[in-house]
Amino acid sequence: MDHYCNRHFYPRTDTLVFDGRGTAQILVPDLILITSLKEGSKRDLTFNETWATSDHWLQPNNVAPSQHWGGLYTAVKARAEGNKAEGFVAGEQNS
C-alpha cells in the first residue's frame, strides 16, 4: 500500500533535507510534527542556523494530525512576524 500511494501509513522519525528556494514556504512529505528545524547557507550539509518554533508555521492550518480524523501537514512556512520572515535560503540541500 505504501508504494502504491507513495505515502507512509505509520509514523517514522527521520532527518530530511530540502532544497531552499528563497521563498517563505517549503513543501514537505506527509508530516506529523517537527522536533527541530535547521538551515545552512554554506552548502556543506552543516546546519548551523536553528529556527525557533515562533519562526515557522506548519501548513495547512487545522489538520490535527494526532487525531484519528485529522490530516497531515504538507508544508513549512516562515512566519511573517518571526525572525526568519525572509524565508528559506535558496540553495541545494540547505533546509
Protein backbone atom coordinates (compact mmCIF):
# COMPACT_ATOMS: atom_id res chain seq x y z
CA MET A 1 0.00 0.00 0.00
CA ASP A 2 2.81 2.43 0.86
CA HIS A 3 4.45 2.06 -2.55
CA TYR A 4 1.15 2.20 -4.42
CA CYS A 5 0.16 5.50 -2.79
CA ASN A 6 3.73 6.81 -2.44
CA ARG A 7 2.95 7.58 1.23
CA HIS A 8 3.69 6.08 4.63
CA PHE A 9 0.85 4.88 6.83
CA TYR A 10 2.88 4.68 10.01
CA PRO A 11 4.85 7.28 11.97
CA ARG A 12 8.58 7.42 11.32
CA THR A 13 11.40 9.50 12.72
CA ASP A 14 13.76 10.80 10.07
CA THR A 15 16.09 13.64 9.23
CA LEU A 16 15.04 15.15 5.93
CA VAL A 17 16.96 17.64 3.79
CA PHE A 18 15.29 20.00 1.32
CA ASP A 19 16.38 22.48 -1.31
CA GLY A 20 15.66 26.07 -0.28
CA ARG A 21 14.05 28.18 -3.00
CA GLY A 22 14.45 31.60 -1.42
CA THR A 23 10.72 31.59 -0.65
CA ALA A 24 8.71 31.67 2.57
CA GLN A 25 7.41 28.10 2.15
CA ILE A 26 8.82 24.62 1.58
CA LEU A 27 6.60 21.71 0.58
CA VAL A 28 7.31 18.54 2.56
CA PRO A 29 6.09 14.93 2.51
CA ASP A 30 3.34 13.98 4.97
CA LEU A 31 4.35 15.42 8.32
CA ILE A 32 3.03 15.00 11.87
CA LEU A 33 5.50 17.22 13.75
CA ILE A 34 8.93 18.83 13.65
CA THR A 35 11.37 18.24 16.50
CA SER A 36 13.84 20.80 15.13
CA LEU A 37 14.19 22.91 12.01
CA LYS A 38 17.68 23.89 10.92
CA GLU A 39 19.14 25.69 7.95
CA GLY A 40 22.60 26.15 6.46
CA SER A 41 23.89 28.65 3.96
CA LYS A 42 27.31 27.21 3.09
CA ARG A 43 26.05 24.24 1.04
CA ASP A 44 28.21 21.82 3.02
CA LEU A 45 25.39 19.93 4.78
CA THR A 46 26.13 21.62 8.11
CA PHE A 47 23.03 23.20 9.52
CA ASN A 48 24.20 25.89 11.90
CA GLU A 49 21.04 28.02 11.97
CA THR A 50 18.20 26.71 14.17
CA TRP A 51 14.70 28.07 13.67
CA ALA A 52 12.62 28.77 16.78
CA THR A 53 9.06 27.45 16.87
CA SER A 54 7.93 31.09 16.72
CA ASP A 55 9.66 31.44 13.32
CA HIS A 56 7.53 28.97 11.35
CA TRP A 57 4.05 27.51 10.88
CA LEU A 58 3.11 24.03 9.77
CA GLN A 59 0.58 24.11 6.94
CA PRO A 60 -2.27 23.63 6.23
CA ASN A 61 -3.93 25.00 9.34
CA ASN A 62 -6.30 22.91 11.47
CA VAL A 63 -5.29 19.45 10.23
CA ALA A 64 -4.88 17.87 13.72
CA PRO A 65 -2.53 15.01 12.71
CA SER A 66 -2.69 13.38 16.16
CA GLN A 67 -6.46 12.85 15.87
CA HIS A 68 -7.93 9.79 14.17
CA TRP A 69 -9.95 12.09 11.89
CA GLY A 70 -7.09 14.52 11.26
CA GLY A 71 -4.92 15.14 8.24
CA LEU A 72 -1.18 15.72 7.87
CA TYR A 73 0.96 18.79 7.35
CA THR A 74 2.42 19.22 3.87
CA ALA A 75 4.38 22.49 4.12
CA VAL A 76 6.54 24.57 6.45
CA LYS A 77 6.03 28.33 6.17
CA ALA A 78 8.14 31.15 7.59
CA ARG A 79 6.08 33.38 9.89
CA ALA A 80 5.90 36.99 8.71
CA GLU A 81 6.42 38.22 12.29
CA GLY A 82 9.17 35.71 13.12
CA ASN A 83 12.94 36.13 12.97
CA LYS A 84 13.03 34.22 9.66
CA ALA A 85 10.40 36.23 7.80
CA GLU A 86 12.64 36.35 4.70
CA GLY A 87 12.06 32.61 4.30
CA PHE A 88 14.31 29.71 3.40
CA VAL A 89 17.73 30.46 1.90
CA ALA A 90 17.97 29.45 -1.76
CA GLY A 91 20.31 26.53 -2.38
CA GLU A 92 20.54 22.77 -2.64
CA GLN A 93 20.05 20.65 0.47
CA ASN A 94 20.28 23.55 2.87
CA SER A 95 16.99 23.31 4.79
